[in-house]
Amino acid sequence: MEAEIPTPENRTMAMLCHLLSFSGYVIPIPLVAVIAPLILWSMKKEESEFIDHHGRESINFQLSILIYVTIGVVLICAYVGFLLLPAIGAFAIVMPIIAAVKANQGEWYRYPLCIRFF
């Protein structure tokens, strides 16, 4: 998997796969944090194994966060969600930034606590 040495363009596209998840904070469209990286990944995944890896990681992470937030909302009834949701929010902001930096440096990053759908 890690045989390819990413070009600067591939590193930039991989970084964008992670940073596009922040579009959900700017554009008020449901699931845009998943859809935006999905569009870039689907257009560029054939060009590079590196972009394919980071695109999959970004989408899997965003879907995992969606599941974690849903669980947190349900757990509000047990008052656990009030503690869990801010932690998930901070995790959802910090981890894509770390992943984007790692992608820009040419590293094959994998998110922690991520459910692998793809």
PDB file of N, CA and C in Angstrom:
ATOM      1  N   MET A   1       0.827  -1.190   0.000  1.00  0.00           N
ATOM      2  CA  MET A   1       0.000   0.000   0.000  1.00  0.00           C
ATOM      3  C   MET A   1       0.864   1.243   0.000  1.00  0.00           C
ATOM      4  N   GLU A   2       1.961   1.252   0.666  1.00  0.00           N
ATOM      5  CA  GLU A   2       2.767   2.454   0.807  1.00  0.00           C
ATOM      6  C   GLU A   2       3.915   2.498  -0.183  1.00  0.00           C
ATOM      7  N   ALA A   3       3.762   1.860  -1.344  1.00  0.00           N
ATOM      8  CA  ALA A   3       4.847   1.810  -2.322  1.00  0.00           C
ATOM      9  C   ALA A   3       4.978   3.127  -3.086  1.00  0.00           C
ATOM     10  N   GLU A   4       3.877   3.801  -3.292  1.00  0.00           N
ATOM     11  CA  GLU A   4       3.879   5.021  -4.090  1.00  0.00           C
ATOM     12  C   GLU A   4       4.472   6.195  -3.316  1.00  0.00           C
ATOM     13  N   ILE A   5       5.340   6.935  -3.974  1.00  0.00           N
ATOM     14  CA  ILE A   5       5.838   8.201  -3.416  1.00  0.00           C
ATOM     15  C   ILE A   5       4.961   9.298  -4.000  1.00  0.00           C
ATOM     16  N   PRO A   6       4.172   9.975  -3.148  1.00  0.00           N
ATOM     17  CA  PRO A   6       3.214  10.950  -3.678  1.00  0.00           C
ATOM     18  C   PRO A   6       3.895  12.194  -4.244  1.00  0.00           C
ATOM     19  N   THR A   7       3.344  12.659  -5.356  1.00  0.00           N
ATOM     20  CA  THR A   7       3.807  13.908  -5.956  1.00  0.00           C
ATOM     21  C   THR A   7       3.217  15.078  -5.173  1.00  0.00           C
ATOM     22  N   PRO A   8       3.745  16.277  -5.350  1.00  0.00           N
ATOM     23  CA  PRO A   8       3.160  17.439  -4.655  1.00  0.00           C
ATOM     24  C   PRO A   8       1.675  17.639  -4.989  1.00  0.00           C
ATOM     25  N   GLU A   9       1.290  17.378  -6.225  1.00  0.00           N
ATOM     26  CA  GLU A   9      -0.128  17.516  -6.594  1.00  0.00           C
ATOM     27  C   GLU A   9      -0.975  16.478  -5.868  1.00  0.00           C
ATOM     28  N   ASN A  10      -0.482  15.247  -5.794  1.00  0.00           N
ATOM     29  CA  ASN A  10      -1.215  14.195  -5.092  1.00  0.00           C
ATOM     30  C   ASN A  10      -1.327  14.497  -3.597  1.00  0.00           C
ATOM     31  N   ARG A  11      -0.275  15.052  -3.021  1.00  0.00           N
ATOM     32  CA  ARG A  11      -0.323  15.428  -1.606  1.00  0.00           C
ATOM     33  C   ARG A  11      -1.355  16.524  -1.374  1.00  0.00           C
ATOM     34  N   THR A  12      -1.429  17.475  -2.307  1.00  0.00           N
ATOM     35  CA  THR A  12      -2.405  18.560  -2.183  1.00  0.00           C
ATOM     36  C   THR A  12      -3.830  18.033  -2.291  1.00  0.00           C
ATOM     37  N   MET A  13      -4.083  17.139  -3.241  1.00  0.00           N
ATOM     38  CA  MET A  13      -5.430  16.569  -3.396  1.00  0.00           C
ATOM     39  C   MET A  13      -5.807  15.737  -2.174  1.00  0.00           C
ATOM     40  N   ALA A  14      -4.859  14.980  -1.634  1.00  0.00           N
ATOM     41  CA  ALA A  14      -5.120  14.188  -0.433  1.00  0.00           C
ATOM     42  C   ALA A  14      -5.433  15.105   0.752  1.00  0.00           C
ATOM     43  N   MET A  15      -4.690  16.199   0.861  1.00  0.00           N
ATOM     44  CA  MET A  15      -4.938  17.166   1.925  1.00  0.00           C
ATOM     45  C   MET A  15      -6.337  17.770   1.778  1.00  0.00           C
ATOM     46  N   LEU A  16      -6.730  18.081   0.555  1.00  0.00           N
ATOM     47  CA  LEU A  16      -8.063  18.651   0.323  1.00  0.00           C
ATOM     48  C   LEU A  16      -9.177  17.677   0.683  1.00  0.00           C
ATOM     49  N   CYS A  17      -8.922  16.386   0.497  1.00  0.00           N
ATOM     50  CA  CYS A  17      -9.923  15.383   0.898  1.00  0.00           C
ATOM     51  C   CYS A  17     -10.266  15.538   2.379  1.00  0.00           C
ATOM     52  N   HIS A  18      -9.270  15.836   3.184  1.00  0.00           N
ATOM     53  CA  HIS A  18      -9.504  16.011   4.621  1.00  0.00           C
ATOM     54  C   HIS A  18     -10.091  17.390   4.930  1.00  0.00           C
ATOM     55  N   LEU A  19      -9.575  18.411   4.292  1.00  0.00           N
ATOM     56  CA  LEU A  19     -10.029  19.777   4.602  1.00  0.00           C
ATOM     57  C   LEU A  19     -11.444  20.061   4.100  1.00  0.00           C
ATOM     58  N   LEU A  20     -11.887  19.353   3.072  1.00  0.00           N
ATOM     59  CA  LEU A  20     -13.250  19.573   2.575  1.00  0.00           C
ATOM     60  C   LEU A  20     -14.312  19.159   3.588  1.00  0.00           C
ATOM     61  N   SER A  21     -13.914  18.385   4.577  1.00  0.00           N
ATOM     62  CA  SER A  21     -14.881  18.034   5.619  1.00  0.00           C
ATOM     63  C   SER A  21     -15.332  19.267   6.406  1.00  0.00           C
ATOM     64  N   PHE A  22     -14.526  20.324   6.395  1.00  0.00           N
ATOM     65  CA  PHE A  22     -14.910  21.560   7.085  1.00  0.00           C
ATOM     66  C   PHE A  22     -15.944  22.359   6.307  1.00  0.00           C
ATOM     67  N   SER A  23     -16.225  21.971   5.079  1.00  0.00           N
ATOM     68  CA  SER A  23     -17.252  22.671   4.311  1.00  0.00           C
ATOM     69  C   SER A  23     -18.622  22.536   4.968  1.00  0.00           C
ATOM     70  N   GLY A  24     -18.791  21.519   5.778  1.00  0.00           N
ATOM     71  CA  GLY A  24     -20.041  21.348   6.512  1.00  0.00           C
ATOM     72  C   GLY A  24     -20.288  22.449   7.523  1.00  0.00           C
ATOM     73  N   TYR A  25     -19.224  23.116   7.962  1.00  0.00           N
ATOM     74  CA  TYR A  25     -19.377  24.225   8.898  1.00  0.00           C
ATOM     75  C   TYR A  25     -19.730  25.529   8.183  1.00  0.00           C
ATOM     76  N   VAL A  26     -19.482  25.578   6.876  1.00  0.00           N
ATOM     77  CA  VAL A  26     -19.680  26.796   6.102  1.00  0.00           C
ATOM     78  C   VAL A  26     -20.952  26.734   5.267  1.00  0.00           C
ATOM     79  N   ILE A  27     -21.184  25.604   4.639  1.00  0.00           N
ATOM     80  CA  ILE A  27     -22.332  25.440   3.740  1.00  0.00           C
ATOM     81  C   ILE A  27     -23.440  24.706   4.494  1.00  0.00           C
ATOM     82  N   PRO A  28     -24.597  25.342   4.658  1.00  0.00           N
ATOM     83  CA  PRO A  28     -25.659  24.726   5.458  1.00  0.00           C
ATOM     84  C   PRO A  28     -26.474  23.683   4.690  1.00  0.00           C
ATOM     85  N   ILE A  29     -25.797  22.683   4.175  1.00  0.00           N
ATOM     86  CA  ILE A  29     -26.465  21.589   3.473  1.00  0.00           C
ATOM     87  C   ILE A  29     -26.195  20.317   4.276  1.00  0.00           C
ATOM     88  N   PRO A  30     -27.226  19.546   4.594  1.00  0.00           N
ATOM     89  CA  PRO A  30     -26.994  18.320   5.375  1.00  0.00           C
ATOM     90  C   PRO A  30     -26.012  17.372   4.659  1.00  0.00           C
ATOM     91  N   LEU A  31     -25.123  16.798   5.421  1.00  0.00           N
ATOM     92  CA  LEU A  31     -24.131  15.814   4.972  1.00  0.00           C
ATOM     93  C   LEU A  31     -23.086  16.358   3.994  1.00  0.00           C
ATOM     94  N   VAL A  32     -22.945  17.663   3.873  1.00  0.00           N
ATOM     95  CA  VAL A  32     -21.953  18.213   2.949  1.00  0.00           C
ATOM     96  C   VAL A  32     -20.537  17.854   3.400  1.00  0.00           C
ATOM     97  N   ALA A  33     -20.340  17.612   4.693  1.00  0.00           N
ATOM     98  CA  ALA A  33     -19.016  17.211   5.182  1.00  0.00           C
ATOM     99  C   ALA A  33     -18.625  15.832   4.669  1.00  0.00           C
ATOM    100  N   VAL A  34     -19.597  15.033   4.281  1.00  0.00           N
ATOM    101  CA  VAL A  34     -19.333  13.720   3.690  1.00  0.00           C
ATOM    102  C   VAL A  34     -19.322  13.833   2.169  1.00  0.00           C
ATOM    103  N   ILE A  35     -20.237  14.599   1.627  1.00  0.00           N
ATOM    104  CA  ILE A  35     -20.410  14.685   0.173  1.00  0.00           C
ATOM    105  C   ILE A  35     -19.236  15.382  -0.509  1.00  0.00           C
ATOM    106  N   ALA A  36     -18.731  16.461   0.070  1.00  0.00           N
ATOM    107  CA  ALA A  36     -17.628  17.204  -0.561  1.00  0.00           C
ATOM    108  C   ALA A  36     -16.363  16.352  -0.712  1.00  0.00           C
ATOM    109  N   PRO A  37     -15.890  15.667   0.350  1.00  0.00           N
ATOM    110  CA  PRO A  37     -14.730  14.791   0.149  1.00  0.00           C
ATOM    111  C   PRO A  37     -15.033  13.621  -0.788  1.00  0.00           C
ATOM    112  N   LEU A  38     -16.286  13.153  -0.756  1.00  0.00           N
ATOM    113  CA  LEU A  38     -16.684  12.042  -1.628  1.00  0.00           C
ATOM    114  C   LEU A  38     -16.573  12.426  -3.101  1.00  0.00           C
ATOM    115  N   ILE A  39     -16.964  13.642  -3.437  1.00  0.00           N
ATOM    116  CA  ILE A  39     -16.871  14.110  -4.826  1.00  0.00           C
ATOM    117  C   ILE A  39     -15.423  14.194  -5.271  1.00  0.00           C
ATOM    118  N   LEU A  40     -14.574  14.813  -4.453  1.00  0.00           N
ATOM    119  CA  LEU A  40     -13.154  14.914  -4.810  1.00  0.00           C
ATOM    120  C   LEU A  40     -12.516  13.539  -4.916  1.00  0.00           C
ATOM    121  N   TRP A  41     -12.790  12.683  -3.957  1.00  0.00           N
ATOM    122  CA  TRP A  41     -12.222  11.333  -3.960  1.00  0.00           C
ATOM    123  C   TRP A  41     -12.662  10.550  -5.193  1.00  0.00           C
ATOM    124  N   SER A  42     -13.944  10.628  -5.539  1.00  0.00           N
ATOM    125  CA  SER A  42     -14.431   9.872  -6.697  1.00  0.00           C
ATOM    126  C   SER A  42     -13.835  10.375  -8.008  1.00  0.00           C
ATOM    127  N   MET A  43     -13.492  11.657  -8.061  1.00  0.00           N
ATOM    128  CA  MET A  43     -12.881  12.201  -9.284  1.00  0.00           C
ATOM    129  C   MET A  43     -11.396  11.862  -9.383  1.00  0.00           C
ATOM    130  N   LYS A  44     -10.700  11.750  -8.254  1.00  0.00           N
ATOM    131  CA  LYS A  44      -9.243  11.633  -8.255  1.00  0.00           C
ATOM    132  C   LYS A  44      -8.702  10.269  -7.821  1.00  0.00           C
ATOM    133  N   LYS A  45      -9.548   9.350  -7.376  1.00  0.00           N
ATOM    134  CA  LYS A  45      -9.053   8.100  -6.800  1.00  0.00           C
ATOM    135  C   LYS A  45      -8.299   7.222  -7.794  1.00  0.00           C
ATOM    136  N   GLU A  46      -8.624   7.331  -9.061  1.00  0.00           N
ATOM    137  CA  GLU A  46      -7.941   6.522 -10.073  1.00  0.00           C
ATOM    138  C   GLU A  46      -6.552   7.059 -10.405  1.00  0.00           C
ATOM    139  N   GLU A  47      -6.299   8.315 -10.091  1.00  0.00           N
ATOM    140  CA  GLU A  47      -5.025   8.943 -10.427  1.00  0.00           C
ATOM    141  C   GLU A  47      -3.890   8.512  -9.523  1.00  0.00           C
ATOM    142  N   SER A  48      -4.215   8.208  -8.260  1.00  0.00           N
ATOM    143  CA  SER A  48      -3.155   7.940  -7.299  1.00  0.00           C
ATOM    144  C   SER A  48      -3.666   7.059  -6.171  1.00  0.00           C
ATOM    145  N   GLU A  49      -2.851   6.103  -5.786  1.00  0.00           N
ATOM    146  CA  GLU A  49      -3.168   5.260  -4.640  1.00  0.00           C
ATOM    147  C   GLU A  49      -3.155   6.085  -3.349  1.00  0.00           C
ATOM    148  N   PHE A  50      -2.320   7.102  -3.313  1.00  0.00           N
ATOM    149  CA  PHE A  50      -2.219   7.983  -2.151  1.00  0.00           C
ATOM    150  C   PHE A  50      -3.514   8.780  -1.972  1.00  0.00           C
ATOM    151  N   ILE A  51      -4.022   9.346  -3.051  1.00  0.00           N
ATOM    152  CA  ILE A  51      -5.295  10.084  -2.985  1.00  0.00           C
ATOM    153  C   ILE A  51      -6.429   9.133  -2.620  1.00  0.00           C
ATOM    154  N   ASP A  52      -6.424   7.944  -3.189  1.00  0.00           N
ATOM    155  CA  ASP A  52      -7.447   6.944  -2.891  1.00  0.00           C
ATOM    156  C   ASP A  52      -7.454   6.621  -1.394  1.00  0.00           C
ATOM    157  N   HIS A  53      -6.283   6.410  -0.832  1.00  0.00           N
ATOM    158  CA  HIS A  53      -6.172   6.092   0.599  1.00  0.00           C
ATOM    159  C   HIS A  53      -6.722   7.229   1.464  1.00  0.00           C
ATOM    160  N   HIS A  54      -6.283   8.444   1.212  1.00  0.00           N
ATOM    161  CA  HIS A  54      -6.711   9.576   2.040  1.00  0.00           C
ATOM    162  C   HIS A  54      -8.178   9.922   1.829  1.00  0.00           C
ATOM    163  N   GLY A  55      -8.672   9.754   0.609  1.00  0.00           N
ATOM    164  CA  GLY A  55     -10.092   9.984   0.365  1.00  0.00           C
ATOM    165  C   GLY A  55     -10.960   8.994   1.130  1.00  0.00           C
ATOM    166  N   ARG A  56     -10.557   7.730   1.100  1.00  0.00           N
ATOM    167  CA  ARG A  56     -11.293   6.712   1.863  1.00  0.00           C
ATOM    168  C   ARG A  56     -11.256   7.022   3.361  1.00  0.00           C
ATOM    169  N   GLU A  57     -10.088   7.382   3.846  1.00  0.00           N
ATOM    170  CA  GLU A  57      -9.956   7.703   5.271  1.00  0.00           C
ATOM    171  C   GLU A  57     -10.860   8.869   5.656  1.00  0.00           C
ATOM    172  N   SER A  58     -10.877   9.908   4.841  1.00  0.00           N
ATOM    173  CA  SER A  58     -11.687  11.080   5.141  1.00  0.00           C
ATOM    174  C   SER A  58     -13.176  10.735   5.167  1.00  0.00           C
ATOM    175  N   ILE A  59     -13.630  10.005   4.181  1.00  0.00           N
ATOM    176  CA  ILE A  59     -15.052   9.644   4.112  1.00  0.00           C
ATOM    177  C   ILE A  59     -15.427   8.715   5.262  1.00  0.00           C
ATOM    178  N   ASN A  60     -14.587   7.714   5.520  1.00  0.00           N
ATOM    179  CA  ASN A  60     -14.858   6.808   6.637  1.00  0.00           C
ATOM    180  C   ASN A  60     -14.914   7.559   7.962  1.00  0.00           C
ATOM    181  N   PHE A  61     -14.022   8.522   8.146  1.00  0.00           N
ATOM    182  CA  PHE A  61     -14.011   9.293   9.387  1.00  0.00           C
ATOM    183  C   PHE A  61     -15.284  10.123   9.511  1.00  0.00           C
ATOM    184  N   GLN A  62     -15.688  10.779   8.437  1.00  0.00           N
ATOM    185  CA  GLN A  62     -16.896  11.606   8.502  1.00  0.00           C
ATOM    186  C   GLN A  62     -18.139  10.764   8.765  1.00  0.00           C
ATOM    187  N   LEU A  63     -18.213   9.590   8.170  1.00  0.00           N
ATOM    188  CA  LEU A  63     -19.342   8.698   8.446  1.00  0.00           C
ATOM    189  C   LEU A  63     -19.305   8.207   9.891  1.00  0.00           C
ATOM    190  N   SER A  64     -18.112   7.920  10.399  1.00  0.00           N
ATOM    191  CA  SER A  64     -17.971   7.505  11.796  1.00  0.00           C
ATOM    192  C   SER A  64     -18.422   8.615  12.740  1.00  0.00           C
ATOM    193  N   ILE A  65     -18.015   9.844  12.449  1.00  0.00           N
ATOM    194  CA  ILE A  65     -18.428  10.983  13.285  1.00  0.00           C
ATOM    195  C   ILE A  65     -19.947  11.136  13.258  1.00  0.00           C
ATOM    196  N   LEU A  66     -20.550  10.943  12.090  1.00  0.00           N
ATOM    197  CA  LEU A  66     -22.007  11.018  11.982  1.00  0.00           C
ATOM    198  C   LEU A  66     -22.669   9.981  12.892  1.00  0.00           C
ATOM    199  N   ILE A  67     -22.129   8.790  12.923  1.00  0.00           N
ATOM    200  CA  ILE A  67     -22.655   7.734  13.798  1.00  0.00           C
ATOM    201  C   ILE A  67     -22.442   8.108  15.265  1.00  0.00           C
ATOM    202  N   TYR A  68     -21.248   8.599  15.603  1.00  0.00           N
ATOM    203  CA  TYR A  68     -20.960   8.974  16.990  1.00  0.00           C
ATOM    204  C   TYR A  68     -21.862  10.110  17.469  1.00  0.00           C
ATOM    205  N   VAL A  69     -22.123  11.075  16.607  1.00  0.00           N
ATOM    206  CA  VAL A  69     -23.015  12.187  16.974  1.00  0.00           C
ATOM    207  C   VAL A  69     -24.440  11.673  17.185  1.00  0.00           C
ATOM    208  N   THR A  70     -24.887  10.776  16.336  1.00  0.00           N
ATOM    209  CA  THR A  70     -26.221  10.196  16.489  1.00  0.00           C
ATOM    210  C   THR A  70     -26.342   9.474  17.830  1.00  0.00           C
ATOM    211  N   ILE A  71     -25.321   8.710  18.186  1.00  0.00           N
ATOM    212  CA  ILE A  71     -25.311   8.023  19.481  1.00  0.00           C
ATOM    213  C   ILE A  71     -25.298   9.049  20.616  1.00  0.00           C
ATOM    214  N   GLY A  72     -24.509  10.115  20.461  1.00  0.00           N
ATOM    215  CA  GLY A  72     -24.456  11.162  21.481  1.00  0.00           C
ATOM    216  C   GLY A  72     -25.792  11.846  21.684  1.00  0.00           C
ATOM    217  N   VAL A  73     -26.496  12.090  20.590  1.00  0.00           N
ATOM    218  CA  VAL A  73     -27.816  12.724  20.684  1.00  0.00           C
ATOM    219  C   VAL A  73     -28.792  11.802  21.414  1.00  0.00           C
ATOM    220  N   VAL A  74     -28.735  10.522  21.113  1.00  0.00           N
ATOM    221  CA  VAL A  74     -29.607   9.568  21.803  1.00  0.00           C
ATOM    222  C   VAL A  74     -29.258   9.523  23.298  1.00  0.00           C
ATOM    223  N   LEU A  75     -27.970   9.602  23.618  1.00  0.00           N
ATOM    224  CA  LEU A  75     -27.537   9.523  25.013  1.00  0.00           C
ATOM    225  C   LEU A  75     -27.772  10.802  25.806  1.00  0.00           C
ATOM    226  N   ILE A  76     -28.274  11.850  25.154  1.00  0.00           N
ATOM    227  CA  ILE A  76     -28.655  13.058  25.896  1.00  0.00           C
ATOM    228  C   ILE A  76     -29.742  12.715  26.913  1.00  0.00           C
ATOM    229  N   CYS A  77     -30.590  11.768  26.555  1.00  0.00           N
ATOM    230  CA  CYS A  77     -31.650  11.348  27.486  1.00  0.00           C
ATOM    231  C   CYS A  77     -31.059  10.809  28.785  1.00  0.00           C
ATOM    232  N   ALA A  78     -29.884  10.218  28.725  1.00  0.00           N
ATOM    233  CA  ALA A  78     -29.221   9.684  29.921  1.00  0.00           C
ATOM    234  C   ALA A  78     -28.196  10.673  30.468  1.00  0.00           C
ATOM    235  N   TYR A  79     -28.192  11.893  29.972  1.00  0.00           N
ATOM    236  CA  TYR A  79     -27.287  12.973  30.379  1.00  0.00           C
ATOM    237  C   TYR A  79     -25.817  12.710  30.034  1.00  0.00           C
ATOM    238  N   VAL A  80     -25.524  11.599  29.417  1.00  0.00           N
ATOM    239  CA  VAL A  80     -24.151  11.294  28.999  1.00  0.00           C
ATOM    240  C   VAL A  80     -23.824  12.074  27.726  1.00  0.00           C
ATOM    241  N   GLY A  81     -24.823  12.279  26.900  1.00  0.00           N
ATOM    242  CA  GLY A  81     -24.633  12.978  25.639  1.00  0.00           C
ATOM    243  C   GLY A  81     -24.141  14.399  25.801  1.00  0.00           C
ATOM    244  N   PHE A  82     -24.492  15.036  26.916  1.00  0.00           N
ATOM    245  CA  PHE A  82     -24.035  16.404  27.156  1.00  0.00           C
ATOM    246  C   PHE A  82     -22.520  16.472  27.317  1.00  0.00           C
ATOM    247  N   LEU A  83     -21.913  15.405  27.790  1.00  0.00           N
ATOM    248  CA  LEU A  83     -20.454  15.330  27.902  1.00  0.00           C
ATOM    249  C   LEU A  83     -19.822  14.776  26.634  1.00  0.00           C
ATOM    250  N   LEU A  84     -20.529  13.862  26.009  1.00  0.00           N
ATOM    251  CA  LEU A  84     -19.992  13.170  24.834  1.00  0.00           C
ATOM    252  C   LEU A  84     -19.966  14.051  23.587  1.00  0.00           C
ATOM    253  N   LEU A  85     -21.007  14.821  23.357  1.00  0.00           N
ATOM    254  CA  LEU A  85     -21.089  15.630  22.132  1.00  0.00           C
ATOM    255  C   LEU A  85     -19.987  16.689  22.009  1.00  0.00           C
ATOM    256  N   PRO A  86     -19.636  17.416  23.061  1.00  0.00           N
ATOM    257  CA  PRO A  86     -18.512  18.351  22.913  1.00  0.00           C
ATOM    258  C   PRO A  86     -17.185  17.640  22.620  1.00  0.00           C
ATOM    259  N   ALA A  87     -16.993  16.469  23.206  1.00  0.00           N
ATOM    260  CA  ALA A  87     -15.769  15.701  22.943  1.00  0.00           C
ATOM    261  C   ALA A  87     -15.731  15.239  21.490  1.00  0.00           C
ATOM    262  N   ILE A  88     -16.860  14.791  20.987  1.00  0.00           N
ATOM    263  CA  ILE A  88     -16.934  14.380  19.582  1.00  0.00           C
ATOM    264  C   ILE A  88     -16.686  15.579  18.677  1.00  0.00           C
ATOM    265  N   GLY A  89     -17.251  16.721  19.026  1.00  0.00           N
ATOM    266  CA  GLY A  89     -17.054  17.939  18.236  1.00  0.00           C
ATOM    267  C   GLY A  89     -15.597  18.343  18.158  1.00  0.00           C
ATOM    268  N   ALA A  90     -14.914  18.322  19.290  1.00  0.00           N
ATOM    269  CA  ALA A  90     -13.493  18.664  19.299  1.00  0.00           C
ATOM    270  C   ALA A  90     -12.684  17.654  18.484  1.00  0.00           C
ATOM    271  N   PHE A  91     -13.008  16.385  18.645  1.00  0.00           N
ATOM    272  CA  PHE A  91     -12.335  15.318  17.895  1.00  0.00           C
ATOM    273  C   PHE A  91     -12.543  15.502  16.389  1.00  0.00           C
ATOM    274  N   ALA A  92     -13.771  15.888  15.999  1.00  0.00           N
ATOM    275  CA  ALA A  92     -14.109  16.067  14.582  1.00  0.00           C
ATOM    276  C   ALA A  92     -13.422  17.280  13.969  1.00  0.00           C
ATOM    277  N   ILE A  93     -12.971  18.212  14.793  1.00  0.00           N
ATOM    278  CA  ILE A  93     -12.253  19.386  14.287  1.00  0.00           C
ATOM    279  C   ILE A  93     -10.745  19.132  14.252  1.00  0.00           C
ATOM    280  N   VAL A  94     -10.216  18.548  15.300  1.00  0.00           N
ATOM    281  CA  VAL A  94      -8.768  18.370  15.418  1.00  0.00           C
ATOM    282  C   VAL A  94      -8.230  17.293  14.468  1.00  0.00           C
ATOM    283  N   MET A  95      -8.910  16.172  14.382  1.00  0.00           N
ATOM    284  CA  MET A  95      -8.365  15.045  13.620  1.00  0.00           C
ATOM    285  C   MET A  95      -8.237  15.319  12.115  1.00  0.00           C
ATOM    286  N   PRO A  96      -9.205  15.976  11.441  1.00  0.00           N
ATOM    287  CA  PRO A  96      -8.985  16.291  10.025  1.00  0.00           C
ATOM    288  C   PRO A  96      -7.824  17.256   9.791  1.00  0.00           C
ATOM    289  N   ILE A  97      -7.575  18.133  10.747  1.00  0.00           N
ATOM    290  CA  ILE A  97      -6.431  19.042  10.610  1.00  0.00           C
ATOM    291  C   ILE A  97      -5.130  18.243  10.677  1.00  0.00           C
ATOM    292  N   ILE A  98      -5.038  17.336  11.637  1.00  0.00           N
ATOM    293  CA  ILE A  98      -3.856  16.484  11.743  1.00  0.00           C
ATOM    294  C   ILE A  98      -3.698  15.648  10.485  1.00  0.00           C
ATOM    295  N   ALA A  99      -4.793  15.065  10.003  1.00  0.00           N
ATOM    296  CA  ALA A  99      -4.741  14.234   8.798  1.00  0.00           C
ATOM    297  C   ALA A  99      -4.323  15.049   7.577  1.00  0.00           C
ATOM    298  N   ALA A 100      -4.811  16.280   7.467  1.00  0.00           N
ATOM    299  CA  ALA A 100      -4.443  17.133   6.328  1.00  0.00           C
ATOM    300  C   ALA A 100      -2.958  17.467   6.357  1.00  0.00           C
ATOM    301  N   VAL A 101      -2.433  17.752   7.536  1.00  0.00           N
ATOM    302  CA  VAL A 101      -1.000  18.040   7.654  1.00  0.00           C
ATOM    303  C   VAL A 101      -0.180  16.815   7.287  1.00  0.00           C
ATOM    304  N   LYS A 102      -0.586  15.655   7.778  1.00  0.00           N
ATOM    305  CA  LYS A 102       0.131  14.414   7.462  1.00  0.00           C
ATOM    306  C   LYS A 102       0.070  14.123   5.962  1.00  0.00           C
ATOM    307  N   ALA A 103      -1.083  14.334   5.343  1.00  0.00           N
ATOM    308  CA  ALA A 103      -1.218  14.101   3.900  1.00  0.00           C
ATOM    309  C   ALA A 103      -0.331  15.056   3.124  1.00  0.00           C
ATOM    310  N   ASN A 104      -0.273  16.289   3.558  1.00  0.00           N
ATOM    311  CA  ASN A 104       0.562  17.279   2.877  1.00  0.00           C
ATOM    312  C   ASN A 104       2.050  16.957   3.023  1.00  0.00           C
ATOM    313  N   GLN A 105       2.398  16.257   4.093  1.00  0.00           N
ATOM    314  CA  GLN A 105       3.780  15.834   4.300  1.00  0.00           C
ATOM    315  C   GLN A 105       4.100  14.530   3.578  1.00  0.00           C
ATOM    316  N   GLY A 106       3.085  13.926   2.946  1.00  0.00           N
ATOM    317  CA  GLY A 106       3.290  12.694   2.200  1.00  0.00           C
ATOM    318  C   GLY A 106       3.179  11.431   3.022  1.00  0.00           C
ATOM    319  N   GLU A 107       2.581  11.506   4.207  1.00  0.00           N
ATOM    320  CA  GLU A 107       2.439  10.348   5.078  1.00  0.00           C
ATOM    321  C   GLU A 107       1.102   9.651   4.833  1.00  0.00           C
ATOM    322  N   TRP A 108       1.087   8.340   5.020  1.00  0.00           N
ATOM    323  CA  TRP A 108      -0.116   7.517   4.865  1.00  0.00           C
ATOM    324  C   TRP A 108      -0.821   7.462   6.214  1.00  0.00           C
ATOM    325  N   TYR A 109      -1.661   8.441   6.499  1.00  0.00           N
ATOM    326  CA  TYR A 109      -2.294   8.600   7.810  1.00  0.00           C
ATOM    327  C   TYR A 109      -3.585   7.789   7.896  1.00  0.00           C
ATOM    328  N   ARG A 110      -3.836   7.228   9.093  1.00  0.00           N
ATOM    329  CA  ARG A 110      -5.099   6.548   9.380  1.00  0.00           C
ATOM    330  C   ARG A 110      -5.698   7.169  10.634  1.00  0.00           C
ATOM    331  N   TYR A 111      -6.979   7.510  10.553  1.00  0.00           N
ATOM    332  CA  TYR A 111      -7.668   8.114  11.694  1.00  0.00           C
ATOM    333  C   TYR A 111      -7.841   7.098  12.827  1.00  0.00           C
ATOM    334  N   PRO A 112      -7.685   7.556  14.070  1.00  0.00           N
ATOM    335  CA  PRO A 112      -8.026   6.682  15.189  1.00  0.00           C
ATOM    336  C   PRO A 112      -9.549   6.667  15.399  1.00  0.00           C
ATOM    337  N   LEU A 113     -10.042   5.611  15.989  1.00  0.00           N
ATOM    338  CA  LEU A 113     -11.480   5.460  16.309  1.00  0.00           C
ATOM    339  C   LEU A 113     -12.369   5.591  15.085  1.00  0.00           C
ATOM    340  N   CYS A 114     -11.882   5.166  13.956  1.00  0.00           N
ATOM    341  CA  CYS A 114     -12.611   5.296  12.697  1.00  0.00           C
ATOM    342  C   CYS A 114     -13.142   3.928  12.273  1.00  0.00           C
ATOM    343  N   ILE A 115     -14.404   3.880  11.917  1.00  0.00           N
ATOM    344  CA  ILE A 115     -15.006   2.656  11.386  1.00  0.00           C
ATOM    345  C   ILE A 115     -14.663   2.616   9.902  1.00  0.00           C
ATOM    346  N   ARG A 116     -14.101   1.531   9.435  1.00  0.00           N
ATOM    347  CA  ARG A 116     -13.682   1.400   8.027  1.00  0.00           C
ATOM    348  C   ARG A 116     -14.852   0.809   7.219  1.00  0.00           C
ATOM    349  N   PHE A 117     -15.529   1.661   6.470  1.00  0.00           N
ATOM    350  CA  PHE A 117     -16.624   1.221   5.603  1.00  0.00           C
ATOM    351  C   PHE A 117     -16.102   0.828   4.221  1.00  0.00           C
ATOM    352  N   PHE A 118     -15.078   1.535   3.753  1.00  0.00           N
ATOM    353  CA  PHE A 118     -14.502   1.291   2.422  1.00  0.00           C
ATOM    354  C   PHE A 118     -13.138   0.671   2.573  1.00  0.00           C
TER     355      PHE A 118
END
